[in-house]
Amino acid sequence: MSDQRFIIEMGMGNDQYGMDYTKAAARAIEDAIRHSSIPLFEATSVPHDQMRVQVTVGVADPSQVDCAALAENLPRGRASVQAVEGGLNVTNPDTGKTLVIATAAVEAFLPSQTAADA
């Protein structure tokens, strides 16, 4: 039996002053999940722990993201977070400070619910 993706949401977040990649990624994830409402769990007997949540965050320096901390803060399911090269750094020419912009894709998967896969 294989997992089937049943939701994907995208989000964007930033850290304007601290150049904190994890904070920007957390804001991107929050932006993505704020757009979701999943009535599936209330309408069926499928428990939340059967849901696998896969998050991909894009930032200019993936090594600066604390993926474990981000995964711990996801509200439902069995979560994993991966940081990849993406996002954007923008430097203010007047101050030299860097604005970190992150993007996130939050995907949710459940075991196949079709009779053929059972």
N, C-alpha and C. Protein backbone atom coordinates (compact mmCIF):
# COMPACT_ATOMS: atom_id res chain seq x y z
N MET A 1 0.85 -1.17 0.00
CA MET A 1 0.00 0.00 0.00
C MET A 1 0.90 1.24 0.00
N SER A 2 0.60 2.19 -0.86
CA SER A 2 1.42 3.39 -0.96
C SER A 2 0.64 4.61 -0.47
N ASP A 3 1.38 5.62 -0.10
CA ASP A 3 0.76 6.88 0.34
C ASP A 3 0.24 7.66 -0.86
N GLN A 4 -0.84 8.38 -0.63
CA GLN A 4 -1.38 9.28 -1.65
C GLN A 4 -1.37 10.69 -1.09
N ARG A 5 -0.86 11.63 -1.91
CA ARG A 5 -0.89 13.03 -1.48
C ARG A 5 -2.30 13.54 -1.63
N PHE A 6 -2.80 14.17 -0.56
CA PHE A 6 -4.15 14.72 -0.64
C PHE A 6 -4.18 16.23 -0.43
N ILE A 7 -3.05 16.82 -0.12
CA ILE A 7 -3.02 18.28 -0.01
C ILE A 7 -1.59 18.77 -0.25
N ILE A 8 -1.50 19.92 -0.89
CA ILE A 8 -0.23 20.63 -1.01
C ILE A 8 -0.56 22.12 -0.91
N GLU A 9 0.16 22.79 -0.04
CA GLU A 9 -0.01 24.23 0.14
C GLU A 9 1.35 24.88 0.06
N MET A 10 1.38 26.10 -0.45
CA MET A 10 2.62 26.85 -0.56
C MET A 10 2.55 28.11 0.29
N GLY A 11 3.69 28.53 0.80
CA GLY A 11 3.73 29.73 1.61
C GLY A 11 5.04 30.47 1.46
N MET A 12 5.05 31.70 1.97
CA MET A 12 6.24 32.54 1.92
C MET A 12 6.38 33.23 3.26
N GLY A 13 7.61 33.35 3.72
CA GLY A 13 7.88 34.04 4.97
C GLY A 13 9.23 34.72 4.90
N ASN A 14 9.46 35.63 5.85
CA ASN A 14 10.75 36.33 5.82
C ASN A 14 11.20 36.70 7.22
N ASP A 15 12.47 37.02 7.33
CA ASP A 15 13.03 37.64 8.53
C ASP A 15 13.72 38.90 8.05
N GLN A 16 13.18 40.04 8.44
CA GLN A 16 13.66 41.31 7.92
C GLN A 16 14.89 41.84 8.63
N TYR A 17 15.12 41.44 9.87
CA TYR A 17 16.17 42.10 10.63
C TYR A 17 17.26 41.19 11.19
N GLY A 18 16.96 39.92 11.41
CA GLY A 18 17.93 39.07 12.09
C GLY A 18 18.68 38.10 11.22
N MET A 19 18.35 38.05 9.94
CA MET A 19 18.95 37.09 9.01
C MET A 19 18.85 35.67 9.57
N ASP A 20 17.68 35.35 10.13
CA ASP A 20 17.41 34.06 10.75
C ASP A 20 16.65 33.18 9.75
N TYR A 21 17.34 32.21 9.18
CA TYR A 21 16.74 31.36 8.16
C TYR A 21 15.63 30.47 8.73
N THR A 22 15.82 29.99 9.96
CA THR A 22 14.79 29.15 10.57
C THR A 22 13.52 29.95 10.82
N LYS A 23 13.66 31.19 11.28
CA LYS A 23 12.48 32.04 11.51
C LYS A 23 11.75 32.32 10.20
N ALA A 24 12.48 32.62 9.15
CA ALA A 24 11.85 32.87 7.84
C ALA A 24 11.15 31.60 7.34
N ALA A 25 11.79 30.43 7.52
CA ALA A 25 11.18 29.17 7.10
C ALA A 25 9.93 28.88 7.92
N ALA A 26 9.97 29.12 9.23
CA ALA A 26 8.79 28.89 10.08
C ALA A 26 7.62 29.77 9.63
N ARG A 27 7.91 30.99 9.28
CA ARG A 27 6.85 31.89 8.81
C ARG A 27 6.28 31.43 7.47
N ALA A 28 7.13 30.87 6.61
CA ALA A 28 6.65 30.35 5.32
C ALA A 28 5.74 29.13 5.54
N ILE A 29 6.13 28.26 6.48
CA ILE A 29 5.31 27.09 6.80
C ILE A 29 3.99 27.52 7.40
N GLU A 30 4.02 28.46 8.33
CA GLU A 30 2.79 28.98 8.94
C GLU A 30 1.87 29.59 7.89
N ASP A 31 2.45 30.32 6.94
CA ASP A 31 1.67 30.91 5.86
C ASP A 31 0.98 29.82 5.05
N ALA A 32 1.69 28.75 4.77
CA ALA A 32 1.11 27.65 3.97
C ALA A 32 -0.02 26.96 4.72
N ILE A 33 0.18 26.62 5.99
CA ILE A 33 -0.85 25.85 6.70
C ILE A 33 -2.03 26.71 7.11
N ARG A 34 -1.85 28.01 7.15
CA ARG A 34 -2.98 28.90 7.45
C ARG A 34 -4.06 28.83 6.37
N HIS A 35 -3.68 28.41 5.18
CA HIS A 35 -4.62 28.34 4.06
C HIS A 35 -5.38 27.02 4.02
N SER A 36 -5.10 26.12 4.96
CA SER A 36 -5.66 24.78 4.90
C SER A 36 -6.70 24.54 5.99
N SER A 37 -7.70 23.81 5.60
CA SER A 37 -8.67 23.25 6.54
C SER A 37 -8.94 21.84 6.03
N ILE A 38 -8.73 20.86 6.87
CA ILE A 38 -8.86 19.48 6.43
C ILE A 38 -10.01 18.81 7.19
N PRO A 39 -11.22 18.86 6.64
CA PRO A 39 -12.36 18.24 7.31
C PRO A 39 -12.36 16.71 7.21
N LEU A 40 -11.43 16.16 6.44
CA LEU A 40 -11.34 14.72 6.24
C LEU A 40 -11.33 13.96 7.56
N PHE A 41 -10.58 14.43 8.54
CA PHE A 41 -10.43 13.71 9.79
C PHE A 41 -11.72 13.71 10.62
N GLU A 42 -12.49 14.78 10.53
CA GLU A 42 -13.77 14.83 11.22
C GLU A 42 -14.82 14.01 10.48
N ALA A 43 -14.69 13.91 9.16
CA ALA A 43 -15.69 13.21 8.36
C ALA A 43 -15.44 11.70 8.28
N THR A 44 -14.24 11.26 8.63
CA THR A 44 -13.90 9.84 8.56
C THR A 44 -13.33 9.40 9.90
N SER A 45 -12.98 8.16 9.99
CA SER A 45 -12.36 7.66 11.23
C SER A 45 -10.84 7.58 11.10
N VAL A 46 -10.28 8.27 10.11
CA VAL A 46 -8.84 8.26 9.91
C VAL A 46 -8.17 9.12 11.00
N PRO A 47 -7.28 8.53 11.80
CA PRO A 47 -6.59 9.32 12.83
C PRO A 47 -5.48 10.19 12.24
N HIS A 48 -5.21 11.30 12.91
CA HIS A 48 -4.19 12.25 12.45
C HIS A 48 -2.81 11.61 12.31
N ASP A 49 -2.51 10.63 13.16
CA ASP A 49 -1.16 10.06 13.13
C ASP A 49 -0.91 9.20 11.89
N GLN A 50 -1.94 8.93 11.09
CA GLN A 50 -1.73 8.23 9.82
C GLN A 50 -1.26 9.19 8.73
N MET A 51 -1.38 10.48 8.97
CA MET A 51 -0.98 11.48 7.98
C MET A 51 0.53 11.71 8.07
N ARG A 52 1.17 11.62 6.92
CA ARG A 52 2.59 11.96 6.81
C ARG A 52 2.67 13.35 6.22
N VAL A 53 3.37 14.24 6.90
CA VAL A 53 3.52 15.62 6.44
C VAL A 53 4.96 15.81 5.99
N GLN A 54 5.10 16.23 4.76
CA GLN A 54 6.42 16.43 4.16
C GLN A 54 6.55 17.91 3.80
N VAL A 55 7.52 18.58 4.41
CA VAL A 55 7.71 20.00 4.17
C VAL A 55 9.05 20.23 3.49
N THR A 56 9.03 21.04 2.45
CA THR A 56 10.26 21.46 1.78
C THR A 56 10.32 22.97 1.86
N VAL A 57 11.40 23.48 2.45
CA VAL A 57 11.58 24.93 2.53
C VAL A 57 12.78 25.31 1.67
N GLY A 58 12.62 26.40 0.93
CA GLY A 58 13.69 26.92 0.10
C GLY A 58 14.24 28.20 0.68
N VAL A 59 15.54 28.22 0.93
CA VAL A 59 16.23 29.42 1.43
C VAL A 59 17.59 29.49 0.74
N ALA A 60 18.18 30.65 0.78
CA ALA A 60 19.48 30.84 0.12
C ALA A 60 20.59 30.02 0.77
N ASP A 61 20.49 29.76 2.08
CA ASP A 61 21.51 28.98 2.78
C ASP A 61 20.82 27.88 3.60
N PRO A 62 20.53 26.72 2.98
CA PRO A 62 19.81 25.65 3.68
C PRO A 62 20.49 25.15 4.95
N SER A 63 21.80 25.25 5.03
CA SER A 63 22.52 24.76 6.21
C SER A 63 22.18 25.56 7.47
N GLN A 64 21.57 26.72 7.31
CA GLN A 64 21.23 27.59 8.44
C GLN A 64 19.83 27.31 9.01
N VAL A 65 19.11 26.31 8.46
CA VAL A 65 17.75 26.01 8.89
C VAL A 65 17.76 24.84 9.87
N ASP A 66 17.09 25.01 11.01
CA ASP A 66 16.93 23.95 12.00
C ASP A 66 15.68 23.16 11.65
N CYS A 67 15.85 22.15 10.80
CA CYS A 67 14.70 21.37 10.29
C CYS A 67 14.00 20.61 11.40
N ALA A 68 14.74 20.09 12.38
CA ALA A 68 14.13 19.34 13.48
C ALA A 68 13.19 20.24 14.29
N ALA A 69 13.61 21.46 14.57
CA ALA A 69 12.76 22.40 15.32
C ALA A 69 11.50 22.74 14.54
N LEU A 70 11.63 22.90 13.24
CA LEU A 70 10.46 23.20 12.41
C LEU A 70 9.48 22.02 12.41
N ALA A 71 10.00 20.79 12.31
CA ALA A 71 9.14 19.60 12.30
C ALA A 71 8.38 19.46 13.61
N GLU A 72 9.03 19.77 14.73
CA GLU A 72 8.39 19.67 16.04
C GLU A 72 7.20 20.61 16.18
N ASN A 73 7.20 21.72 15.45
CA ASN A 73 6.15 22.72 15.58
C ASN A 73 4.96 22.49 14.66
N LEU A 74 5.02 21.46 13.81
CA LEU A 74 3.88 21.19 12.94
C LEU A 74 2.76 20.56 13.77
N PRO A 75 1.52 21.01 13.56
CA PRO A 75 0.44 20.64 14.48
C PRO A 75 -0.11 19.23 14.35
N ARG A 76 0.04 18.58 13.20
CA ARG A 76 -0.59 17.28 12.99
C ARG A 76 0.33 16.36 12.20
N GLY A 77 0.10 15.08 12.35
CA GLY A 77 0.76 14.09 11.52
C GLY A 77 2.20 13.81 11.91
N ARG A 78 2.82 12.93 11.14
CA ARG A 78 4.23 12.58 11.29
C ARG A 78 5.01 13.45 10.32
N ALA A 79 5.73 14.41 10.84
CA ALA A 79 6.31 15.45 10.00
C ALA A 79 7.80 15.27 9.75
N SER A 80 8.19 15.66 8.54
CA SER A 80 9.61 15.77 8.22
C SER A 80 9.78 17.09 7.46
N VAL A 81 10.93 17.73 7.68
CA VAL A 81 11.23 19.00 7.02
C VAL A 81 12.59 18.89 6.36
N GLN A 82 12.64 19.34 5.13
CA GLN A 82 13.89 19.36 4.37
C GLN A 82 14.13 20.78 3.88
N ALA A 83 15.34 21.28 4.05
CA ALA A 83 15.71 22.61 3.53
C ALA A 83 16.52 22.42 2.26
N VAL A 84 16.15 23.18 1.24
CA VAL A 84 16.84 23.13 -0.04
C VAL A 84 17.21 24.54 -0.47
N GLU A 85 18.10 24.62 -1.44
CA GLU A 85 18.48 25.93 -1.96
C GLU A 85 17.30 26.54 -2.71
N GLY A 86 16.99 27.78 -2.38
CA GLY A 86 15.87 28.48 -2.98
C GLY A 86 15.68 29.80 -2.27
N GLY A 87 14.45 30.25 -2.20
CA GLY A 87 14.20 31.51 -1.52
C GLY A 87 15.01 32.64 -2.13
N LEU A 88 15.31 33.63 -1.28
CA LEU A 88 16.00 34.81 -1.79
C LEU A 88 16.56 35.61 -0.63
N ASN A 89 17.75 36.13 -0.79
CA ASN A 89 18.32 37.11 0.12
C ASN A 89 18.35 38.45 -0.61
N VAL A 90 17.87 39.49 0.05
CA VAL A 90 17.88 40.83 -0.53
C VAL A 90 18.62 41.74 0.43
N THR A 91 19.65 42.40 -0.06
CA THR A 91 20.44 43.29 0.78
C THR A 91 20.00 44.73 0.56
N ASN A 92 19.77 45.43 1.68
CA ASN A 92 19.42 46.85 1.63
C ASN A 92 20.72 47.62 1.36
N PRO A 93 20.81 48.31 0.23
CA PRO A 93 22.06 49.01 -0.11
C PRO A 93 22.38 50.16 0.85
N ASP A 94 21.36 50.67 1.53
CA ASP A 94 21.59 51.79 2.46
C ASP A 94 22.17 51.33 3.79
N THR A 95 21.75 50.14 4.26
CA THR A 95 22.19 49.68 5.58
C THR A 95 23.10 48.46 5.52
N GLY A 96 23.09 47.75 4.41
CA GLY A 96 23.87 46.53 4.29
C GLY A 96 23.21 45.32 4.95
N LYS A 97 22.04 45.53 5.56
CA LYS A 97 21.33 44.43 6.21
C LYS A 97 20.65 43.55 5.15
N THR A 98 20.57 42.26 5.47
CA THR A 98 20.01 41.30 4.54
C THR A 98 18.64 40.83 4.99
N LEU A 99 17.69 40.87 4.09
CA LEU A 99 16.34 40.34 4.30
C LEU A 99 16.32 38.92 3.75
N VAL A 100 15.95 37.96 4.61
CA VAL A 100 15.88 36.55 4.21
C VAL A 100 14.44 36.22 3.84
N ILE A 101 14.25 35.69 2.64
CA ILE A 101 12.93 35.28 2.18
C ILE A 101 12.95 33.77 1.95
N ALA A 102 11.97 33.08 2.56
CA ALA A 102 11.87 31.63 2.43
C ALA A 102 10.55 31.27 1.76
N THR A 103 10.56 30.17 1.04
CA THR A 103 9.34 29.60 0.49
C THR A 103 9.16 28.21 1.08
N ALA A 104 7.91 27.76 1.15
CA ALA A 104 7.65 26.43 1.70
C ALA A 104 6.55 25.73 0.92
N ALA A 105 6.73 24.43 0.75
CA ALA A 105 5.68 23.56 0.23
C ALA A 105 5.36 22.56 1.33
N VAL A 106 4.11 22.52 1.75
CA VAL A 106 3.67 21.59 2.79
C VAL A 106 2.75 20.58 2.12
N GLU A 107 3.18 19.32 2.15
CA GLU A 107 2.41 18.25 1.52
C GLU A 107 1.94 17.27 2.59
N ALA A 108 0.72 16.78 2.45
CA ALA A 108 0.18 15.80 3.38
C ALA A 108 -0.20 14.55 2.61
N PHE A 109 0.14 13.40 3.17
CA PHE A 109 -0.09 12.11 2.55
C PHE A 109 -0.82 11.20 3.52
N LEU A 110 -1.66 10.34 2.98
CA LEU A 110 -2.32 9.28 3.76
C LEU A 110 -2.12 7.96 3.03
N PRO A 111 -2.19 6.85 3.78
CA PRO A 111 -2.19 5.57 3.08
C PRO A 111 -3.35 5.54 2.11
N SER A 112 -3.16 4.85 1.00
CA SER A 112 -4.20 4.77 -0.01
C SER A 112 -5.51 4.30 0.60
N GLN A 113 -6.60 4.96 0.26
CA GLN A 113 -7.91 4.63 0.79
C GLN A 113 -8.76 3.87 -0.22
N THR A 114 -8.18 3.51 -1.36
CA THR A 114 -8.95 2.81 -2.39
C THR A 114 -8.98 1.31 -2.12
N ALA A 115 -10.05 0.67 -2.50
CA ALA A 115 -10.22 -0.76 -2.27
C ALA A 115 -9.16 -1.58 -2.99
N ALA A 116 -8.71 -1.13 -4.14
CA ALA A 116 -7.71 -1.85 -4.93
C ALA A 116 -6.37 -1.96 -4.20
N ASP A 117 -6.07 -0.98 -3.33
CA ASP A 117 -4.80 -0.97 -2.61
C ASP A 117 -4.89 -1.69 -1.28
N ALA A 118 -6.08 -2.04 -0.86
CA ALA A 118 -6.26 -2.63 0.47
C ALA A 118 -5.81 -4.08 0.50
